[in-house]
């Protein structure tokens, strides 16, 4: 049994070797047969250029030496970072995109003011959070449209056309956004963060983004709370009137909020409240 197994392995190995030689295009050569390779014949004619000239092959063509050509293309183009680094930066920006939209645009003021309107009326679930956030987002795109157009024309399109590097495109693209934030930021907030960071006296156009962005956010929060206070005043007057009337009628057990809610909704609808709020928000950025 062992002899049969060994013989089968032997024949299987021979078959695999023959198949490999066939696939590789190699024909086994017997050691007794002469080699079929023939060396190229070189003419013995003297070289007309002298003894130091190149040898001539029997075919009549001179042997050309091997050459290595290294070309440096794009020498006139500005140097740019590698594609891998650009991909890392792009993924980082996509991760931080929600924070950039919230903190560096008009979104903060709009969503806070719309939230105050809902709370002042007394209906915490109408409109829903999705509607408030969605309306704030589209109003942000509406207000930031000119800024985004400038960023596209001054930075994105030249970068896609190969006229500037990615670093230059980022520097150009932040200029319109910086100007927008500086127009909406109070001077005392800028001075506050300059003092916290122990910066020397700096020109407005030379302020770094790590000073401009937090100062802009603080200014937006203060402006939004001021607008929210003004929105609460008329609804607070309605609550006072309803409470006084209920007290005068002796209806002590009747919750004033239930009675005043229809009157506040009626007041908001009669004065076309949503138009007034949106108009005030848009004009506050101008």
Protein backbone atom coordinates (compact mmCIF):
# COMPACT_ATOMS: atom_id res chain seq x y z
CA UNK A 1 0.00 0.00 0.00
CA UNK A 2 2.84 2.40 0.79
CA UNK A 3 4.55 1.58 -2.55
CA UNK A 4 1.41 2.45 -4.49
CA UNK A 5 1.05 5.72 -2.59
CA UNK A 6 4.64 6.67 -3.30
CA UNK A 7 4.34 5.86 -6.99
CA UNK A 8 1.13 7.92 -7.29
CA UNK A 9 2.84 10.91 -5.67
CA UNK A 10 5.80 10.47 -8.02
CA UNK A 11 3.66 10.50 -11.17
CA UNK A 12 1.60 13.41 -9.84
CA UNK A 13 4.78 15.43 -9.32
CA UNK A 14 5.97 14.64 -12.85
CA UNK A 15 2.62 15.77 -14.26
CA UNK A 16 2.72 19.06 -12.32
CA UNK A 17 6.26 19.75 -13.54
CA UNK A 18 5.28 19.09 -17.17
CA UNK A 19 2.25 21.39 -16.81
CA UNK A 20 4.37 24.19 -15.30
CA UNK A 21 6.93 23.92 -18.13
CA UNK A 22 4.15 24.09 -20.71
CA UNK A 23 2.58 27.19 -19.12
CA UNK A 24 5.89 28.98 -18.81
CA UNK A 25 6.85 28.19 -22.38
CA UNK A 26 10.04 26.45 -21.39
CA UNK A 27 11.12 23.34 -23.26
CA UNK A 28 13.41 20.99 -21.38
CA UNK A 29 16.77 20.62 -23.03
CA UNK A 30 18.69 17.38 -22.87
CA UNK A 31 22.17 17.75 -21.50
CA UNK A 32 23.54 15.74 -24.46
CA UNK A 33 22.09 18.14 -27.08
CA UNK A 34 24.00 21.28 -28.00
CA UNK A 35 22.61 24.62 -26.91
CA UNK A 36 20.31 26.31 -29.39
CA UNK A 37 21.30 29.85 -28.40
CA UNK A 38 23.45 31.57 -30.97
CA UNK A 39 25.51 34.60 -30.08
CA UNK A 40 25.00 37.62 -32.30
CA UNK A 41 27.72 38.00 -34.86
CA UNK A 42 29.69 41.21 -34.81
CA UNK A 43 31.34 42.45 -37.95
CA UNK A 44 35.07 42.72 -37.92
CA UNK A 45 35.13 45.78 -40.17
CA UNK A 46 37.20 48.59 -38.78
CA UNK A 47 35.35 51.47 -37.18
CA UNK A 48 35.66 54.59 -39.32
CA UNK A 49 35.46 56.78 -36.26
CA UNK A 50 38.50 55.18 -34.67
CA UNK A 51 39.18 52.47 -32.18
CA UNK A 52 37.18 54.22 -29.52
CA UNK A 53 33.89 54.18 -31.49
CA UNK A 54 30.97 51.86 -30.75
CA UNK A 55 30.88 48.33 -32.09
CA UNK A 56 28.68 47.60 -35.10
CA UNK A 57 26.26 44.69 -35.15
CA UNK A 58 26.02 42.46 -38.19
CA UNK A 59 22.64 43.99 -39.07
CA UNK A 60 24.36 47.37 -39.63
CA UNK A 61 22.70 49.32 -36.83
CA UNK A 62 24.83 50.96 -34.17
CA UNK A 63 24.06 49.99 -30.58
CA UNK A 64 22.60 52.95 -28.71
CA UNK A 65 23.45 53.26 -25.02
CA UNK A 66 20.65 53.22 -22.43
CA UNK A 67 19.57 56.62 -21.17
CA UNK A 68 17.54 57.68 -18.12
CA UNK A 69 15.42 60.80 -18.57
CA UNK A 70 13.98 62.43 -15.46
CA UNK A 71 11.43 65.16 -16.19
CA UNK A 72 10.23 67.71 -13.66
CA UNK A 73 6.80 68.72 -14.89
CA UNK A 74 4.80 71.55 -13.42
CA UNK A 75 7.82 73.60 -12.50
CA UNK A 76 5.90 76.81 -13.13
CA UNK A 77 2.95 75.81 -10.90
CA UNK A 78 2.81 76.72 -7.20
CA UNK A 79 3.67 73.94 -4.80
CA UNK A 80 0.72 72.28 -3.11
CA UNK A 81 0.28 69.81 -0.29
CA UNK A 82 -0.09 66.15 -1.11
CA UNK A 83 -3.42 64.52 -1.92
CA UNK A 84 -3.35 62.46 1.29
CA UNK A 85 -3.05 65.58 3.44
CA UNK A 86 -5.85 67.26 1.48
CA UNK A 87 -8.11 64.25 2.11
CA UNK A 88 -7.34 64.36 5.84
CA UNK A 89 -8.16 68.08 5.96
CA UNK A 90 -11.37 67.52 3.98
CA UNK A 91 -12.55 64.74 6.33
CA UNK A 92 -11.76 66.96 9.31
CA UNK A 93 -13.80 69.82 7.84
CA UNK A 94 -16.72 67.48 7.18
CA UNK A 95 -16.58 66.35 10.80
CA UNK A 96 -16.53 69.94 12.05
CA UNK A 97 -19.09 71.21 9.52
CA UNK A 98 -22.04 71.30 12.00
CA UNK A 99 -20.00 73.32 14.48
CA UNK A 100 -18.82 75.68 11.74
CA UNK A 101 -22.38 76.24 10.51
CA UNK A 102 -23.69 76.84 14.04
CA UNK A 103 -20.93 79.06 15.39
CA UNK A 104 -19.64 81.00 12.37
CA UNK A 105 -22.91 81.97 10.68
CA UNK A 106 -26.22 83.61 11.58
CA UNK A 107 -27.70 80.28 12.71
CA UNK A 108 -27.11 80.88 16.43
CA UNK A 109 -29.14 84.09 16.65
CA UNK A 110 -31.98 82.79 14.49
CA UNK A 111 -32.56 79.49 16.30
CA UNK A 112 -32.45 81.14 19.75
CA UNK A 113 -34.94 83.85 18.79
CA UNK A 114 -37.35 81.35 17.23
CA UNK A 115 -37.10 79.24 20.37
CA UNK A 116 -37.97 82.29 22.49
CA UNK A 117 -41.02 82.95 20.31
CA UNK A 118 -42.30 79.44 20.90
CA UNK A 119 -41.72 79.69 24.65
CA UNK A 120 -43.29 83.14 24.93
CA UNK A 121 -46.50 82.01 23.27
CA UNK A 122 -46.74 79.12 25.75
CA UNK A 123 -46.76 76.12 23.40
CA UNK A 124 -43.45 74.31 23.95
CA UNK A 125 -44.16 71.66 21.31
CA UNK A 126 -45.55 73.76 18.46
CA UNK A 127 -43.77 74.31 16.16
CA UNK A 128 -41.64 71.22 16.64
CA UNK A 129 -37.88 71.29 17.07
CA UNK A 130 -37.36 69.97 13.54
CA UNK A 131 -39.34 72.89 12.10
CA UNK A 132 -37.46 75.44 14.21
CA UNK A 133 -34.06 74.05 13.23
CA UNK A 134 -35.03 73.64 9.57
CA UNK A 135 -36.37 77.18 9.29
CA UNK A 136 -33.25 78.51 11.02
CA UNK A 137 -31.03 76.58 8.63
CA UNK A 138 -32.75 77.89 5.49
CA UNK A 139 -32.79 81.43 6.83
CA UNK A 140 -29.07 81.02 7.47
CA UNK A 141 -28.49 80.00 3.85
CA UNK A 142 -30.60 82.97 2.74
CA UNK A 143 -28.61 85.45 4.82
CA UNK A 144 -25.21 83.93 4.14
CA UNK A 145 -25.81 83.66 0.38
CA UNK A 146 -23.66 86.70 -0.58
CA UNK A 147 -20.85 85.51 1.69
CA UNK A 148 -20.90 82.01 0.21
CA UNK A 149 -20.93 83.47 -3.31
CA UNK A 150 -17.81 85.48 -2.56
CA UNK A 151 -16.08 82.45 -1.09
CA UNK A 152 -16.94 80.44 -4.20
CA UNK A 153 -15.78 83.14 -6.63
CA UNK A 154 -12.60 84.15 -4.79
CA UNK A 155 -11.38 80.83 -3.42
CA UNK A 156 -13.15 77.68 -4.62
CA UNK A 157 -13.29 78.31 -8.37
CA UNK A 158 -9.64 79.49 -8.67
CA UNK A 159 -8.54 76.45 -6.67
CA UNK A 160 -10.49 74.07 -8.93
CA UNK A 161 -8.99 75.81 -11.97
CA UNK A 162 -5.48 75.25 -10.59
CA UNK A 163 -4.71 78.95 -10.18
CA UNK A 164 -3.91 78.72 -6.46
CA UNK A 165 -2.92 76.13 -3.90
CA UNK A 166 -5.16 74.74 -1.19
CA UNK A 167 -3.48 76.87 1.48
CA UNK A 168 -4.05 80.03 -0.53
CA UNK A 169 -7.67 78.98 -1.19
CA UNK A 170 -8.31 78.56 2.54
CA UNK A 171 -6.79 81.97 3.28
CA UNK A 172 -8.87 83.62 0.56
CA UNK A 173 -12.04 81.78 1.57
CA UNK A 174 -11.90 82.88 5.20
CA UNK A 175 -11.76 86.59 4.32
CA UNK A 176 -15.51 87.05 3.52
CA UNK A 177 -16.49 84.95 6.55
CA UNK A 178 -14.18 86.97 8.79
CA UNK A 179 -15.66 90.25 7.51
CA UNK A 180 -19.20 89.00 8.20
CA UNK A 181 -18.35 87.97 11.76
CA UNK A 182 -16.52 91.23 12.50
CA UNK A 183 -19.53 93.28 11.36
CA UNK A 184 -21.76 91.45 13.87
CA UNK A 185 -19.25 91.44 16.76
CA UNK A 186 -19.06 94.09 19.44
CA UNK A 187 -15.74 95.80 20.00
CA UNK A 188 -15.74 95.09 23.72
CA UNK A 189 -16.10 91.35 23.04
CA UNK A 190 -13.03 91.43 20.77
CA UNK A 191 -11.10 93.35 23.41
CA UNK A 192 -12.25 90.88 26.06
CA UNK A 193 -10.77 87.88 24.23
CA UNK A 194 -7.65 89.80 23.26
CA UNK A 195 -7.14 90.51 26.95
CA UNK A 196 -7.82 86.88 27.91
CA UNK A 197 -5.31 85.64 25.32
CA UNK A 198 -2.77 88.32 26.31
CA UNK A 199 -2.43 89.50 22.74
CA UNK A 200 -0.63 92.76 21.95
CA UNK A 201 -2.58 95.60 20.34
CA UNK A 202 -3.69 94.15 17.00
CA UNK A 203 -5.35 95.62 13.94
CA UNK A 204 -8.82 94.39 13.06
CA UNK A 205 -7.70 92.83 9.77
CA UNK A 206 -4.90 90.95 11.57
CA UNK A 207 -7.09 89.38 14.25
CA UNK A 208 -6.79 85.55 14.31
CA UNK A 209 -9.87 83.37 13.98
CA UNK A 210 -9.39 81.98 17.50
CA UNK A 211 -10.23 85.48 18.74
CA UNK A 212 -12.89 86.41 16.18
CA UNK A 213 -15.00 83.24 16.46
CA UNK A 214 -15.60 83.19 20.27
CA UNK A 215 -16.16 86.96 20.30
CA UNK A 216 -18.71 86.56 17.51
CA UNK A 217 -20.53 83.77 19.40
CA UNK A 218 -20.72 85.82 22.60
CA UNK A 219 -22.09 88.81 20.68
CA UNK A 220 -24.68 86.64 18.94
CA UNK A 221 -25.86 85.19 22.24
CA UNK A 222 -26.28 88.62 23.77
CA UNK A 223 -28.15 89.97 20.74
CA UNK A 224 -30.44 86.91 20.65
CA UNK A 225 -31.33 87.28 24.35
CA UNK A 226 -32.06 90.97 23.90
CA UNK A 227 -34.45 90.19 21.05
CA UNK A 228 -36.02 87.40 23.13
CA UNK A 229 -36.69 89.85 26.00
CA UNK A 230 -38.49 92.22 23.62
CA UNK A 231 -40.54 89.32 22.26
CA UNK A 232 -41.65 88.29 25.77
CA UNK A 233 -43.03 91.73 26.72
CA UNK A 234 -46.36 91.73 24.79
CA UNK A 235 -47.16 88.16 25.83
CA UNK A 236 -46.30 89.01 29.42
CA UNK A 237 -48.80 91.87 29.30
CA UNK A 238 -51.48 89.45 28.12
CA UNK A 239 -50.69 87.11 31.03
CA UNK A 240 -50.98 90.02 33.51
CA UNK A 241 -54.33 91.10 32.12
CA UNK A 242 -55.77 87.59 32.21
CA UNK A 243 -54.51 86.99 35.76
CA UNK A 244 -56.00 90.28 36.97
CA UNK A 245 -59.37 89.52 35.37
CA UNK A 246 -59.47 86.05 36.89
CA UNK A 247 -58.60 87.46 40.31
CA UNK A 248 -61.34 90.07 40.00
CA UNK A 249 -63.92 87.42 39.05
CA UNK A 250 -62.89 85.25 41.95
CA UNK A 251 -61.80 82.37 39.74
CA UNK A 252 -58.83 81.45 41.90
CA UNK A 253 -58.66 77.82 40.79
CA UNK A 254 -58.56 78.57 37.06
CA UNK A 255 -54.95 78.43 35.74
CA UNK A 256 -54.19 81.74 33.99
CA UNK A 257 -51.96 80.04 31.41
CA UNK A 258 -54.86 78.03 30.01
CA UNK A 259 -57.03 81.14 29.60
CA UNK A 260 -54.28 83.39 28.24
CA UNK A 261 -53.01 80.91 25.62
CA UNK A 262 -55.84 81.50 23.09
CA UNK A 263 -55.51 85.27 23.50
CA UNK A 264 -51.74 85.13 22.93
CA UNK A 265 -52.21 83.00 19.82
CA UNK A 266 -54.87 85.44 18.58
CA UNK A 267 -52.58 88.40 19.19
CA UNK A 268 -49.67 86.72 17.40
CA UNK A 269 -51.82 85.89 14.38
CA UNK A 270 -53.44 89.34 14.16
CA UNK A 271 -50.12 91.19 14.11
CA UNK A 272 -48.69 88.66 11.58
CA UNK A 273 -46.08 87.59 14.08
CA UNK A 274 -43.98 85.26 11.92
CA UNK A 275 -43.47 87.94 9.29
CA UNK A 276 -42.45 90.45 11.96
CA UNK A 277 -40.03 88.03 13.62
CA UNK A 278 -38.37 86.94 10.37
CA UNK A 279 -38.15 90.53 9.11
CA UNK A 280 -36.57 91.64 12.39
CA UNK A 281 -34.06 88.79 12.24
CA UNK A 282 -33.03 89.52 8.65
CA UNK A 283 -32.75 93.26 9.18
CA UNK A 284 -30.75 92.79 12.39
CA UNK A 285 -27.85 91.45 10.31
CA UNK A 286 -27.83 94.52 8.06
